[in-house]
C-alpha cells in the first residue's frame, strides 16, 4: 500500500502500522447508545414503581374494608370506613373511635404511600352493621356495589368494588 492510498482510505500514516484503540467518534457513539438505553430503562422502571405503588394503595383500602367488616362481626359493633376524595389517608371507626394505627407502616396505618390519594368513591359512606352487612350512614342496607378508586391524580390508578349488601371486596391485584 502506498502512502497516497493509505491517506485516501484513512489508514495510518505508516502503511505497515496496525490500528490500535478506538477513535473518539466510536467512543461518542457508544456513549450516546448507552445514554439512550439507560433513559428508556429509567422511564420504564419509574412507571413500574408508580403502578406498584397504586396497587399497594388499593390493597390497603381492600384490607381496611375487610378489617372493618371483620371488626363489626367479631366485636358486635358497627364500623365505618372514612374515605375522603382527594385525601391521602383514610380512617376506620367503631363507636366514634379510630381503629387505625398511624404508628404502623402497614395497611392499618390509614396512610397511603407516596402521593397516592382517593380519586373517587361511589358510596359517600361505607359502614358495616354488627352482622357484617354493608350499610349507609342511616343503617340502611346498601344493595348497589360501591367502587373506590385510589392512585395518582395524574398517573396510575386502581379500583376495587365493594359488593352491595355483602361487603365482599373484588379487585385485580
C-alpha atoms as a PDB file:
ATOM      1  CA  UNK A   1       0.000   0.000   0.000  1.00  0.00           C
ATOM      2  CA  UNK A   2       1.383   3.391  -0.910  1.00  0.00           C
ATOM      3  CA  UNK A   3       1.305   6.432   1.294  1.00  0.00           C
ATOM      4  CA  UNK A   4      -1.183   8.083  -1.070  1.00  0.00           C
ATOM      5  CA  UNK A   5      -3.635   5.147  -0.906  1.00  0.00           C
ATOM      6  CA  UNK A   6      -3.195   4.964   2.859  1.00  0.00           C
ATOM      7  CA  UNK A   7      -4.311   8.567   3.233  1.00  0.00           C
ATOM      8  CA  UNK A   8      -7.261   8.078   0.901  1.00  0.00           C
ATOM      9  CA  UNK A   9      -8.584   5.049   2.766  1.00  0.00           C
ATOM     10  CA  UNK A  10      -7.971   6.514   6.223  1.00  0.00           C
ATOM     11  CA  UNK A  11      -5.217   4.126   7.139  1.00  0.00           C
ATOM     12  CA  UNK A  12      -2.415   5.075   9.487  1.00  0.00           C
ATOM     13  CA  UNK A  13       0.382   7.246   8.144  1.00  0.00           C
ATOM     14  CA  UNK A  14       2.635   4.253   8.337  1.00  0.00           C
ATOM     15  CA  UNK A  15       1.107   1.690   5.983  1.00  0.00           C
ATOM     16  CA  UNK A  16       2.535  -1.234   7.953  1.00  0.00           C
ATOM     17  CA  UNK A  17       1.260   0.036  11.326  1.00  0.00           C
ATOM     18  CA  UNK A  18      -1.756  -1.739  12.859  1.00  0.00           C
ATOM     19  CA  UNK A  19      -4.720   0.314  14.107  1.00  0.00           C
ATOM     20  CA  UNK A  20      -4.846   0.257  17.921  1.00  0.00           C
ATOM     21  CA  UNK A  21      -7.559   1.528  20.307  1.00  0.00           C
ATOM     22  CA  UNK A  22     -10.804   3.241  19.398  1.00  0.00           C
ATOM     23  CA  UNK A  23     -11.486   6.582  17.861  1.00  0.00           C
ATOM     24  CA  UNK A  24     -13.242   9.452  19.580  1.00  0.00           C
ATOM     25  CA  UNK A  25     -16.206   9.066  17.203  1.00  0.00           C
ATOM     26  CA  UNK A  26     -16.614   5.394  18.145  1.00  0.00           C
ATOM     27  CA  UNK A  27     -16.445   6.296  21.826  1.00  0.00           C
ATOM     28  CA  UNK A  28     -19.070   9.039  21.439  1.00  0.00           C
ATOM     29  CA  UNK A  29     -21.446   6.734  19.515  1.00  0.00           C
ATOM     30  CA  UNK A  30     -21.157   4.118  22.251  1.00  0.00           C
ATOM     31  CA  UNK A  31     -21.784   6.711  24.971  1.00  0.00           C
ATOM     32  CA  UNK A  32     -24.901   8.010  23.178  1.00  0.00           C
ATOM     33  CA  UNK A  33     -26.252   4.458  22.764  1.00  0.00           C
ATOM     34  CA  UNK A  34     -25.727   3.746  26.464  1.00  0.00           C
ATOM     35  CA  UNK A  35     -27.469   7.007  27.410  1.00  0.00           C
ATOM     36  CA  UNK A  36     -30.497   6.233  25.211  1.00  0.00           C
ATOM     37  CA  UNK A  37     -30.890   2.701  26.560  1.00  0.00           C
ATOM     38  CA  UNK A  38     -30.472   3.940  30.148  1.00  0.00           C
ATOM     39  CA  UNK A  39     -33.081   6.659  29.614  1.00  0.00           C
ATOM     40  CA  UNK A  40     -35.606   4.173  28.268  1.00  0.00           C
ATOM     41  CA  UNK A  41     -34.899   1.846  31.182  1.00  0.00           C
ATOM     42  CA  UNK A  42     -35.337   4.631  33.725  1.00  0.00           C
ATOM     43  CA  UNK A  43     -38.728   5.709  32.326  1.00  0.00           C
ATOM     44  CA  UNK A  44     -39.929   2.113  32.235  1.00  0.00           C
ATOM     45  CA  UNK A  45     -38.724   1.464  35.784  1.00  0.00           C
ATOM     46  CA  UNK A  46     -40.307   4.696  37.047  1.00  0.00           C
ATOM     47  CA  UNK A  47     -43.682   3.753  35.525  1.00  0.00           C
ATOM     48  CA  UNK A  48     -43.405   0.299  37.052  1.00  0.00           C
ATOM     49  CA  UNK A  49     -42.806   1.789  40.514  1.00  0.00           C
ATOM     50  CA  UNK A  50     -45.856   4.081  40.198  1.00  0.00           C
ATOM     51  CA  UNK A  51     -48.052   1.178  39.051  1.00  0.00           C
ATOM     52  CA  UNK A  52     -46.948  -0.932  42.002  1.00  0.00           C
ATOM     53  CA  UNK A  53     -47.476   1.942  44.448  1.00  0.00           C
ATOM     54  CA  UNK A  54     -51.048   2.418  43.157  1.00  0.00           C
ATOM     55  CA  UNK A  55     -51.641  -1.323  43.653  1.00  0.00           C
ATOM     56  CA  UNK A  56     -50.302  -1.018  47.190  1.00  0.00           C
ATOM     57  CA  UNK A  57     -52.737   1.835  47.891  1.00  0.00           C
ATOM     58  CA  UNK A  58     -55.781  -0.078  46.643  1.00  0.00           C
ATOM     59  CA  UNK A  59     -54.578  -3.120  48.578  1.00  0.00           C
ATOM     60  CA  UNK A  60     -54.623  -1.001  51.742  1.00  0.00           C
ATOM     61  CA  UNK A  61     -58.210   0.071  51.066  1.00  0.00           C
ATOM     62  CA  UNK A  62     -59.285  -3.519  50.370  1.00  0.00           C
ATOM     63  CA  UNK A  63     -57.662  -4.610  53.632  1.00  0.00           C
ATOM     64  CA  UNK A  64     -59.328  -1.756  55.530  1.00  0.00           C
ATOM     65  CA  UNK A  65     -62.776  -2.686  54.170  1.00  0.00           C
ATOM     66  CA  UNK A  66     -62.264  -6.328  55.133  1.00  0.00           C
ATOM     67  CA  UNK A  67     -60.933  -5.349  58.556  1.00  0.00           C
ATOM     68  CA  UNK A  68     -63.901  -3.023  59.205  1.00  0.00           C
ATOM     69  CA  UNK A  69     -66.341  -5.803  58.275  1.00  0.00           C
ATOM     70  CA  UNK A  70     -64.478  -8.349  60.399  1.00  0.00           C
ATOM     71  CA  UNK A  71     -64.337  -5.975  63.365  1.00  0.00           C
ATOM     72  CA  UNK A  72     -68.088  -5.300  63.152  1.00  0.00           C
ATOM     73  CA  UNK A  73     -68.876  -9.026  63.162  1.00  0.00           C
ATOM     74  CA  UNK A  74     -66.412 -10.131  65.829  1.00  0.00           C
ATOM     75  CA  UNK A  75     -66.815  -7.196  68.229  1.00  0.00           C
ATOM     76  CA  UNK A  76     -70.553  -6.762  67.691  1.00  0.00           C
ATOM     77  CA  UNK A  77     -70.266  -3.063  66.942  1.00  0.00           C
ATOM     78  CA  UNK A  78     -70.983  -1.051  63.813  1.00  0.00           C
ATOM     79  CA  UNK A  79     -67.885   0.167  61.971  1.00  0.00           C
ATOM     80  CA  UNK A  80     -67.258   2.688  59.226  1.00  0.00           C
ATOM     81  CA  UNK A  81     -64.533   3.421  56.749  1.00  0.00           C
ATOM     82  CA  UNK A  82     -63.933   7.105  56.135  1.00  0.00           C
ATOM     83  CA  UNK A  83     -62.559   7.827  52.637  1.00  0.00           C
ATOM     84  CA  UNK A  84     -62.394  11.447  51.518  1.00  0.00           C
ATOM     85  CA  UNK A  85     -61.857  12.147  47.813  1.00  0.00           C
ATOM     86  CA  UNK A  86     -58.550  13.969  47.345  1.00  0.00           C
ATOM     87  CA  UNK A  87     -57.199  12.771  50.679  1.00  0.00           C
ATOM     88  CA  UNK A  88     -54.049  10.678  51.073  1.00  0.00           C
ATOM     89  CA  UNK A  89     -55.322   8.863  54.155  1.00  0.00           C
ATOM     90  CA  UNK A  90     -58.355   7.020  55.487  1.00  0.00           C
ATOM     91  CA  UNK A  91     -59.784   6.059  58.839  1.00  0.00           C
ATOM     92  CA  UNK A  92     -61.632   3.062  60.266  1.00  0.00           C
ATOM     93  CA  UNK A  93     -64.030   3.928  63.072  1.00  0.00           C
ATOM     94  CA  UNK A  94     -66.014   1.937  65.614  1.00  0.00           C
ATOM     95  CA  UNK A  95     -68.275   3.838  68.016  1.00  0.00           C
ATOM     96  CA  UNK A  96     -66.501   7.052  67.020  1.00  0.00           C
ATOM     97  CA  UNK A  97     -63.102   5.620  67.971  1.00  0.00           C
ATOM     98  CA  UNK A  98     -60.373   5.313  65.333  1.00  0.00           C
ATOM     99  CA  UNK A  99     -59.120   1.790  64.651  1.00  0.00           C
ATOM    100  CA  UNK A 100     -56.196   2.927  62.511  1.00  0.00           C
ATOM    101  CA  UNK A 101     -52.731   2.928  63.996  1.00  0.00           C
ATOM    102  CA  UNK A 102     -50.667   5.714  62.461  1.00  0.00           C
ATOM    103  CA  UNK A 103     -47.540   4.320  64.128  1.00  0.00           C
ATOM    104  CA  UNK A 104     -47.668   1.231  61.913  1.00  0.00           C
ATOM    105  CA  UNK A 105     -46.312   1.141  58.408  1.00  0.00           C
ATOM    106  CA  UNK A 106     -48.840  -1.274  57.012  1.00  0.00           C
ATOM    107  CA  UNK A 107     -52.364  -1.383  55.643  1.00  0.00           C
ATOM    108  CA  UNK A 108     -53.894  -0.443  59.002  1.00  0.00           C
ATOM    109  CA  UNK A 109     -51.914   2.804  59.317  1.00  0.00           C
ATOM    110  CA  UNK A 110     -54.509   4.852  57.448  1.00  0.00           C
ATOM    111  CA  UNK A 111     -51.809   6.486  55.315  1.00  0.00           C
ATOM    112  CA  UNK A 112     -51.268   5.867  51.617  1.00  0.00           C
ATOM    113  CA  UNK A 113     -47.732   5.553  50.251  1.00  0.00           C
ATOM    114  CA  UNK A 114     -46.109   8.315  48.179  1.00  0.00           C
ATOM    115  CA  UNK A 115     -48.630  10.725  46.570  1.00  0.00           C
ATOM    116  CA  UNK A 116     -51.456   8.186  46.409  1.00  0.00           C
ATOM    117  CA  UNK A 117     -54.900   9.617  47.141  1.00  0.00           C
ATOM    118  CA  UNK A 118     -58.569   8.692  46.975  1.00  0.00           C
ATOM    119  CA  UNK A 119     -59.637   9.574  43.426  1.00  0.00           C
ATOM    120  CA  UNK A 120     -63.308   8.607  43.685  1.00  0.00           C
ATOM    121  CA  UNK A 121     -65.791   6.683  45.786  1.00  0.00           C
ATOM    122  CA  UNK A 122     -69.312   5.903  44.565  1.00  0.00           C
ATOM    123  CA  UNK A 123     -70.502   5.444  48.141  1.00  0.00           C
ATOM    124  CA  UNK A 124     -70.072   8.503  50.264  1.00  0.00           C
ATOM    125  CA  UNK A 125     -70.196   6.305  53.342  1.00  0.00           C
ATOM    126  CA  UNK A 126     -69.040   2.733  53.864  1.00  0.00           C
ATOM    127  CA  UNK A 127     -70.298   1.118  57.021  1.00  0.00           C
ATOM    128  CA  UNK A 128     -70.887  -2.351  58.372  1.00  0.00           C
ATOM    129  CA  UNK A 129     -73.603  -3.417  60.766  1.00  0.00           C
ATOM    130  CA  UNK A 130     -72.935  -5.882  63.579  1.00  0.00           C
ATOM    131  CA  UNK A 131     -73.707  -8.792  61.236  1.00  0.00           C
ATOM    132  CA  UNK A 132     -71.219  -7.527  58.603  1.00  0.00           C
ATOM    133  CA  UNK A 133     -73.831  -6.162  56.185  1.00  0.00           C
ATOM    134  CA  UNK A 134     -72.830  -3.122  54.103  1.00  0.00           C
ATOM    135  CA  UNK A 135     -74.914  -0.142  55.298  1.00  0.00           C
ATOM    136  CA  UNK A 136     -75.231   3.609  54.761  1.00  0.00           C
ATOM    137  CA  UNK A 137     -74.971   6.285  57.457  1.00  0.00           C
ATOM    138  CA  UNK A 138     -78.631   5.720  58.479  1.00  0.00           C
ATOM    139  CA  UNK A 139     -78.053   1.979  58.900  1.00  0.00           C
ATOM    140  CA  UNK A 140     -79.954   1.034  55.714  1.00  0.00           C
ATOM    141  CA  UNK A 141     -78.563  -1.835  53.683  1.00  0.00           C
ATOM    142  CA  UNK A 142     -76.646  -0.737  50.574  1.00  0.00           C
ATOM    143  CA  UNK A 143     -77.688  -3.033  47.722  1.00  0.00           C
ATOM    144  CA  UNK A 144     -75.666  -1.342  44.990  1.00  0.00           C
ATOM    145  CA  UNK A 145     -71.969  -2.038  44.515  1.00  0.00           C
ATOM    146  CA  UNK A 146     -69.565   0.655  45.685  1.00  0.00           C
ATOM    147  CA  UNK A 147     -66.449   1.407  43.660  1.00  0.00           C
ATOM    148  CA  UNK A 148     -63.403   3.060  45.170  1.00  0.00           C
ATOM    149  CA  UNK A 149     -60.503   4.321  43.078  1.00  0.00           C
ATOM    150  CA  UNK A 150     -57.138   5.311  44.513  1.00  0.00           C
ATOM    151  CA  UNK A 151     -53.892   6.270  42.824  1.00  0.00           C
ATOM    152  CA  UNK A 152     -52.038   9.252  41.448  1.00  0.00           C
ATOM    153  CA  UNK A 153     -54.195  12.164  40.313  1.00  0.00           C
ATOM    154  CA  UNK A 154     -52.273  12.241  37.011  1.00  0.00           C
ATOM    155  CA  UNK A 155     -50.980   8.703  36.825  1.00  0.00           C
ATOM    156  CA  UNK A 156     -51.759   5.055  37.539  1.00  0.00           C
ATOM    157  CA  UNK A 157     -54.990   4.343  39.388  1.00  0.00           C
ATOM    158  CA  UNK A 158     -56.573   1.175  40.746  1.00  0.00           C
ATOM    159  CA  UNK A 159     -60.199   0.403  41.582  1.00  0.00           C
ATOM    160  CA  UNK A 160     -61.944  -2.026  43.909  1.00  0.00           C
ATOM    161  CA  UNK A 161     -65.597  -2.952  44.093  1.00  0.00           C
ATOM    162  CA  UNK A 162     -67.335  -3.490  47.412  1.00  0.00           C
ATOM    163  CA  UNK A 163     -70.329  -5.690  46.633  1.00  0.00           C
ATOM    164  CA  UNK A 164     -73.689  -4.420  47.776  1.00  0.00           C
ATOM    165  CA  UNK A 165     -75.153  -5.920  50.962  1.00  0.00           C
ATOM    166  CA  UNK A 166     -72.356  -8.497  51.440  1.00  0.00           C
ATOM    167  CA  UNK A 167     -69.404  -6.086  51.534  1.00  0.00           C
ATOM    168  CA  UNK A 168     -67.237  -8.574  49.669  1.00  0.00           C
ATOM    169  CA  UNK A 169     -64.214  -6.855  48.084  1.00  0.00           C
ATOM    170  CA  UNK A 170     -63.298  -7.561  44.463  1.00  0.00           C
ATOM    171  CA  UNK A 171     -60.229  -6.270  42.692  1.00  0.00           C
ATOM    172  CA  UNK A 172     -57.405  -7.346  40.420  1.00  0.00           C
ATOM    173  CA  UNK A 173     -54.219  -7.351  42.437  1.00  0.00           C
END
